[in-house]
Amino acid sequence: MSNFPQSNRTYQIVHDAVKHGYAVGGYCVYNTDGVLATIRAAEHSRSPAIIQVFPWTLHFHGPPFIQYIATLAHNASVPISVHLDHCLKPSDAELALTCAFDSIMVDGSMFDDEEEGIEYIKSVVEKATEKGILVEAELGRMEGSEDGLPKIEESKLTDPMNVQGFVERTGVHLLAPSFGNMHGGPVGVDKLWDVDRLKAIYEALGSVTPLVLHGTYPCSDEMLKVAIANGMRKVNQNRRVRLKYMDFLARGSGKLELTKLQEEGVEIYAQEIEEIMALLGSKGRG
């Protein structure tokens, strides 16, 4: 543990992206299809990757499912880590620290009292560090919602003047800022991003604390490139990389045998992920 966090798998993956100026995808999965598709895409593209689950997935499948993901991910021929996204409840954080995660996101944005949120995140970082688990945190609050998460009605933008103090006080290793990005917004919402705010956040932290982009659907390729140019080194992906997969399941269900449905579905899913890996610049980096 003496060489933590450098020995942590997520740290190694993200900091290689920092060193070489690209972004690695954090791919949200819900079932074995998503797990297999991400690993196949990563190995075919020779790309590092981060497999992510929500607390919903953790509870629905149970901790053994996380161990299953970790076993496959850690035995892949390219670097792949396992991450828990948007851990809202303290009880979920406690459970996560007993599972095979390489990293977790502690979402303190639900605390109305900023000091209370900072103290909570700090306490989780301390416990996670003892177990060799990296911690990502959100500073501010992003509007919108994702599967299994409560809908946030009003955003709270990250103040660039506060980011360095927040990182120092909490000890977090990755930071997810709020700068106009939102979960599940309308088409074109990325044009409302406050890019100057993002630049200021990036300049305040440099490369010591890598930034994480949430709210990437719908998001244009152009704006993803803008985000990467301004320090985003982990870019979360959810709905965008499974649209064709979901459409295939809807059309094929009841027509194909389950084995065929899964085999072809995973292949379609993997192809979608490979396209994003090329866009993020992680292709060939594994």
Protein backbone atom coordinates (compact mmCIF):
# COMPACT_ATOMS: atom_id res chain seq x y z
CA MET A 1 0.00 0.00 0.00
CA SER A 2 3.02 2.27 0.34
CA ASN A 3 2.95 3.08 -3.40
CA PHE A 4 -0.75 3.95 -3.49
CA PRO A 5 -2.24 5.53 -5.57
CA GLN A 6 0.33 4.78 -8.27
CA SER A 7 -0.31 1.06 -7.89
CA ASN A 8 -4.06 1.48 -8.45
CA ARG A 9 -5.35 0.27 -11.83
CA THR A 10 -7.68 3.23 -12.48
CA TYR A 11 -4.89 5.64 -11.53
CA GLN A 12 -2.53 4.02 -14.02
CA ILE A 13 -5.12 4.08 -16.79
CA VAL A 14 -6.15 7.71 -16.29
CA HIS A 15 -2.65 9.05 -15.72
CA ASP A 16 -1.41 7.46 -18.94
CA ALA A 17 -4.17 9.47 -20.62
CA VAL A 18 -2.87 12.57 -18.79
CA LYS A 19 0.68 11.89 -19.94
CA HIS A 20 -0.26 11.43 -23.59
CA GLY A 21 -3.16 13.90 -23.88
CA TYR A 22 -6.07 11.61 -24.70
CA ALA A 23 -9.16 10.44 -22.79
CA VAL A 24 -10.18 7.00 -21.60
CA GLY A 25 -13.82 5.94 -21.66
CA GLY A 26 -15.73 5.03 -18.53
CA TYR A 27 -18.33 2.62 -19.94
CA CYS A 28 -21.48 2.13 -17.87
CA VAL A 29 -22.74 -1.46 -18.03
CA TYR A 30 -25.81 -3.20 -16.66
CA ASN A 31 -25.33 -6.84 -17.59
CA THR A 32 -22.86 -9.39 -18.92
CA ASP A 33 -23.40 -8.15 -22.48
CA GLY A 34 -22.00 -4.76 -21.51
CA VAL A 35 -19.05 -6.29 -19.69
CA LEU A 36 -18.11 -8.57 -22.59
CA ALA A 37 -18.65 -5.85 -25.19
CA THR A 38 -16.36 -3.41 -23.38
CA ILE A 39 -13.58 -5.97 -22.96
CA ARG A 40 -13.84 -7.16 -26.57
CA ALA A 41 -13.80 -3.60 -27.87
CA ALA A 42 -10.82 -2.73 -25.69
CA GLU A 43 -8.82 -5.76 -26.76
CA HIS A 44 -9.67 -5.33 -30.44
CA SER A 45 -8.79 -1.61 -30.34
CA ARG A 46 -5.82 -2.15 -28.02
CA SER A 47 -7.37 0.49 -25.81
CA PRO A 48 -7.46 0.93 -22.04
CA ALA A 49 -10.96 1.13 -20.58
CA ILE A 50 -12.89 1.58 -17.36
CA ILE A 51 -15.97 -0.57 -16.80
CA GLN A 52 -18.52 1.29 -14.69
CA VAL A 53 -21.65 0.26 -12.83
CA PHE A 54 -24.25 2.25 -10.94
CA PRO A 55 -25.36 1.40 -7.40
CA TRP A 56 -28.51 0.00 -9.04
CA THR A 57 -26.38 -2.62 -10.81
CA LEU A 58 -24.50 -3.43 -7.61
CA HIS A 59 -27.75 -4.05 -5.72
CA PHE A 60 -29.56 -5.83 -8.56
CA HIS A 61 -26.78 -8.33 -9.29
CA GLY A 62 -25.02 -8.32 -5.93
CA PRO A 63 -21.30 -8.05 -5.03
CA PRO A 64 -20.41 -11.37 -6.76
CA PHE A 65 -21.22 -9.68 -10.08
CA ILE A 66 -18.56 -7.06 -9.35
CA GLN A 67 -16.07 -9.81 -8.66
CA TYR A 68 -17.03 -11.41 -12.00
CA ILE A 69 -16.39 -8.11 -13.81
CA ALA A 70 -13.08 -7.59 -12.01
CA THR A 71 -11.89 -11.11 -12.82
CA LEU A 72 -12.54 -10.65 -16.54
CA ALA A 73 -11.28 -7.06 -16.62
CA HIS A 74 -8.07 -7.73 -14.73
CA ASN A 75 -7.28 -10.72 -16.94
CA ALA A 76 -7.78 -8.84 -20.20
CA SER A 77 -4.82 -8.27 -22.50
CA VAL A 78 -5.16 -4.48 -22.13
CA PRO A 79 -5.52 -2.34 -18.98
CA ILE A 80 -9.14 -2.34 -17.73
CA SER A 81 -10.39 -1.25 -14.31
CA VAL A 82 -13.76 -1.48 -12.52
CA HIS A 83 -15.48 1.63 -11.17
CA LEU A 84 -18.65 2.45 -9.22
CA ASP A 85 -20.33 5.57 -10.59
CA HIS A 86 -22.50 8.06 -8.64
CA CYS A 87 -22.41 6.53 -5.19
CA LEU A 88 -25.03 8.72 -3.50
CA LYS A 89 -25.85 6.92 -0.26
CA PRO A 90 -23.28 6.44 2.52
CA SER A 91 -24.48 2.84 2.82
CA ASP A 92 -23.61 2.27 -0.85
CA ALA A 93 -20.11 3.62 -0.27
CA GLU A 94 -19.66 1.26 2.67
CA LEU A 95 -20.80 -1.68 0.57
CA ALA A 96 -18.61 -0.63 -2.36
CA LEU A 97 -15.50 -0.68 -0.19
CA THR A 98 -16.09 -4.40 0.44
CA CYS A 99 -16.30 -5.17 -3.30
CA ALA A 100 -13.72 -5.68 -6.04
CA PHE A 101 -13.77 -2.08 -7.28
CA ASP A 102 -10.60 -0.31 -8.36
CA SER A 103 -12.28 3.05 -7.89
CA ILE A 104 -15.57 4.63 -6.83
CA MET A 105 -17.27 7.96 -7.40
CA VAL A 106 -18.56 9.52 -4.21
CA ASP A 107 -21.30 11.99 -5.08
CA GLY A 108 -21.50 14.58 -2.33
CA SER A 109 -23.61 16.92 -4.45
CA MET A 110 -26.75 15.87 -2.61
CA PHE A 111 -25.57 17.57 0.58
CA ASP A 112 -27.05 21.04 0.98
CA ASP A 113 -24.31 21.95 3.43
CA GLU A 114 -20.99 22.16 1.58
CA GLU A 115 -18.91 21.50 4.69
CA GLU A 116 -20.93 18.40 5.45
CA GLY A 117 -20.33 17.14 1.93
CA ILE A 118 -16.59 17.77 2.18
CA GLU A 119 -16.32 15.94 5.49
CA TYR A 120 -18.29 12.99 4.12
CA ILE A 121 -16.13 12.68 1.00
CA LYS A 122 -12.96 13.00 3.08
CA SER A 123 -14.09 10.17 5.35
CA VAL A 124 -14.74 7.90 2.36
CA VAL A 125 -11.35 8.75 0.82
CA GLU A 126 -9.63 7.77 4.06
CA LYS A 127 -11.40 4.41 4.19
CA ALA A 128 -10.90 3.77 0.49
CA THR A 129 -7.20 4.54 0.67
CA GLU A 130 -6.76 1.83 3.28
CA LYS A 131 -8.19 -0.64 0.77
CA GLY A 132 -6.26 0.67 -2.23
CA ILE A 133 -9.37 2.10 -3.90
CA LEU A 134 -9.22 5.38 -5.84
CA VAL A 135 -11.93 8.02 -5.33
CA GLU A 136 -13.60 10.36 -7.82
CA ALA A 137 -15.91 13.12 -6.59
CA GLU A 138 -18.28 15.67 -8.06
CA LEU A 139 -17.88 19.34 -7.15
CA GLY A 140 -21.03 21.28 -7.85
CA ARG A 141 -24.21 19.62 -9.06
CA MET A 142 -25.19 18.45 -12.56
CA GLU A 143 -28.76 18.72 -13.76
CA GLY A 144 -30.60 15.73 -15.23
CA SER A 145 -30.71 12.02 -14.48
CA GLU A 146 -29.43 8.60 -15.49
CA ASP A 147 -30.79 5.09 -15.00
CA GLY A 148 -31.27 4.31 -11.34
CA LEU A 149 -30.36 7.84 -10.20
CA PRO A 150 -32.70 10.54 -8.88
CA LYS A 151 -33.44 13.47 -11.20
CA ILE A 152 -31.61 16.70 -10.33
CA GLU A 153 -33.77 19.70 -11.17
CA GLU A 154 -31.20 22.48 -10.76
CA SER A 155 -27.49 22.51 -11.43
CA LYS A 156 -24.80 24.15 -9.32
CA LEU A 157 -21.76 25.16 -11.33
CA THR A 158 -18.27 24.45 -10.05
CA ASP A 159 -16.36 27.53 -8.92
CA PRO A 160 -12.79 27.36 -10.32
CA MET A 161 -11.59 29.24 -7.23
CA ASN A 162 -12.72 26.36 -5.01
CA VAL A 163 -11.40 23.33 -6.85
CA GLN A 164 -7.86 23.24 -5.48
CA GLY A 165 -9.05 23.68 -1.89
CA PHE A 166 -11.70 20.99 -2.38
CA VAL A 167 -9.16 18.49 -3.68
CA GLU A 168 -6.68 19.27 -0.91
CA ARG A 169 -9.28 19.00 1.85
CA THR A 170 -10.97 15.82 0.61
CA GLY A 171 -7.97 14.03 -0.90
CA VAL A 172 -9.92 12.93 -4.00
CA HIS A 173 -7.94 11.62 -6.95
CA LEU A 174 -10.33 12.51 -9.81
CA LEU A 175 -12.71 15.46 -10.11
CA ALA A 176 -16.01 15.68 -12.00
CA PRO A 177 -16.88 19.37 -12.46
CA SER A 178 -20.21 20.97 -13.30
CA PHE A 179 -19.85 23.59 -16.05
CA GLY A 180 -23.17 23.36 -17.89
CA ASN A 181 -22.94 19.65 -18.68
CA MET A 182 -25.98 17.62 -17.74
CA HIS A 183 -27.20 14.04 -17.69
CA GLY A 184 -29.64 13.19 -20.47
CA GLY A 185 -30.17 16.70 -21.80
CA PRO A 186 -31.74 17.73 -25.12
CA VAL A 187 -29.84 17.60 -28.41
CA GLY A 188 -27.49 20.57 -28.62
CA VAL A 189 -27.22 21.08 -24.86
CA ASP A 190 -23.43 20.82 -25.12
CA LYS A 191 -23.44 24.17 -26.95
CA LEU A 192 -24.45 25.69 -23.61
CA TRP A 193 -21.29 24.47 -21.89
CA ASP A 194 -19.33 27.17 -20.12
CA VAL A 195 -16.01 26.25 -21.72
CA ASP A 196 -14.23 29.20 -20.13
CA ARG A 197 -15.23 27.86 -16.73
CA LEU A 198 -13.92 24.43 -17.68
CA LYS A 199 -10.62 25.97 -18.83
CA ALA A 200 -10.27 27.81 -15.53
CA ILE A 201 -10.93 24.59 -13.58
CA TYR A 202 -8.32 22.76 -15.65
CA GLU A 203 -5.77 25.54 -15.15
CA ALA A 204 -6.41 25.53 -11.40
CA LEU A 205 -5.68 21.81 -11.09
CA GLY A 206 -3.22 21.16 -13.90
CA SER A 207 -2.57 17.48 -14.50
CA VAL A 208 -2.26 16.49 -10.84
CA THR A 209 -5.99 15.85 -10.44
CA PRO A 210 -7.47 14.64 -13.76
CA LEU A 211 -10.95 15.77 -14.75
CA VAL A 212 -13.91 13.51 -15.51
CA LEU A 213 -16.68 14.36 -17.98
CA HIS A 214 -20.23 13.39 -17.03
CA GLY A 215 -23.28 14.10 -19.14
CA THR A 216 -22.08 12.98 -22.58
CA TYR A 217 -25.42 12.08 -24.14
CA PRO A 218 -26.34 13.72 -26.35
CA CYS A 219 -22.98 15.32 -27.00
CA SER A 220 -21.38 16.08 -30.36
CA ASP A 221 -18.00 14.69 -31.37
CA GLU A 222 -16.80 18.29 -31.70
CA MET A 223 -17.61 19.12 -28.08
CA LEU A 224 -16.07 15.91 -26.80
CA LYS A 225 -12.84 17.02 -28.46
CA VAL A 226 -13.19 20.44 -26.81
CA ALA A 227 -13.60 18.73 -23.44
CA ILE A 228 -10.50 16.57 -23.98
CA ALA A 229 -8.50 19.64 -25.03
CA ASN A 230 -9.46 21.18 -21.70
CA GLY A 231 -8.33 18.43 -19.39
CA MET A 232 -11.03 15.77 -19.49
CA ARG A 233 -9.12 12.50 -19.18
CA LYS A 234 -11.98 10.17 -18.19
CA VAL A 235 -15.10 10.52 -20.33
CA ASN A 236 -18.16 8.62 -19.19
CA GLN A 237 -20.23 6.81 -21.80
CA ASN A 238 -23.62 5.22 -21.31
CA ARG A 239 -26.53 5.47 -23.72
CA ARG A 240 -24.54 6.49 -26.79
CA VAL A 241 -22.57 3.24 -26.92
CA ARG A 242 -25.60 0.99 -26.64
CA LEU A 243 -28.18 2.62 -28.95
CA LYS A 244 -27.63 0.17 -31.81
CA TYR A 245 -27.42 -2.71 -29.33
CA MET A 246 -30.78 -1.79 -27.77
CA ASP A 247 -32.37 -1.41 -31.21
CA PHE A 248 -31.06 -4.85 -32.22
CA LEU A 249 -32.50 -6.45 -29.07
CA ALA A 250 -35.88 -4.83 -29.70
CA ARG A 251 -35.98 -6.10 -33.28
CA GLY A 252 -34.48 -9.52 -32.60
CA SER A 253 -36.31 -10.50 -29.43
CA GLY A 254 -38.78 -13.26 -30.19
CA LYS A 255 -37.20 -13.90 -33.58
CA LEU A 256 -33.76 -15.16 -32.65
CA GLU A 257 -32.60 -17.81 -30.20
CA LEU A 258 -31.26 -16.29 -26.99
CA THR A 259 -27.74 -17.51 -27.76
CA LYS A 260 -27.81 -15.82 -31.16
CA LEU A 261 -29.33 -12.68 -29.68
CA GLN A 262 -26.50 -12.41 -27.14
CA GLU A 263 -23.71 -13.25 -29.57
CA GLU A 264 -24.78 -10.72 -32.18
CA GLY A 265 -25.82 -8.17 -29.56
CA VAL A 266 -22.42 -8.17 -27.89
CA GLU A 267 -20.70 -7.76 -31.24
CA ILE A 268 -22.87 -4.75 -32.14
CA TYR A 269 -22.33 -3.28 -28.67
CA ALA A 270 -18.55 -3.73 -28.99
CA GLN A 271 -18.48 -2.00 -32.37
CA GLU A 272 -20.21 1.04 -30.87
CA ILE A 273 -17.65 1.20 -28.08
CA GLU A 274 -14.76 0.89 -30.54
CA GLU A 275 -16.00 3.97 -32.39
CA ILE A 276 -15.87 5.99 -29.19
CA MET A 277 -12.41 4.66 -28.30
CA ALA A 278 -11.12 5.98 -31.61
CA LEU A 279 -12.77 9.35 -31.00
CA LEU A 280 -11.35 9.68 -27.49
CA GLY A 281 -7.87 8.86 -28.71
CA SER A 282 -7.45 5.77 -26.53
CA LYS A 283 -7.26 3.36 -29.47
CA GLY A 284 -3.79 1.83 -29.69
CA ARG A 285 -2.84 3.04 -26.20
CA GLY A 286 -3.31 -0.33 -24.51
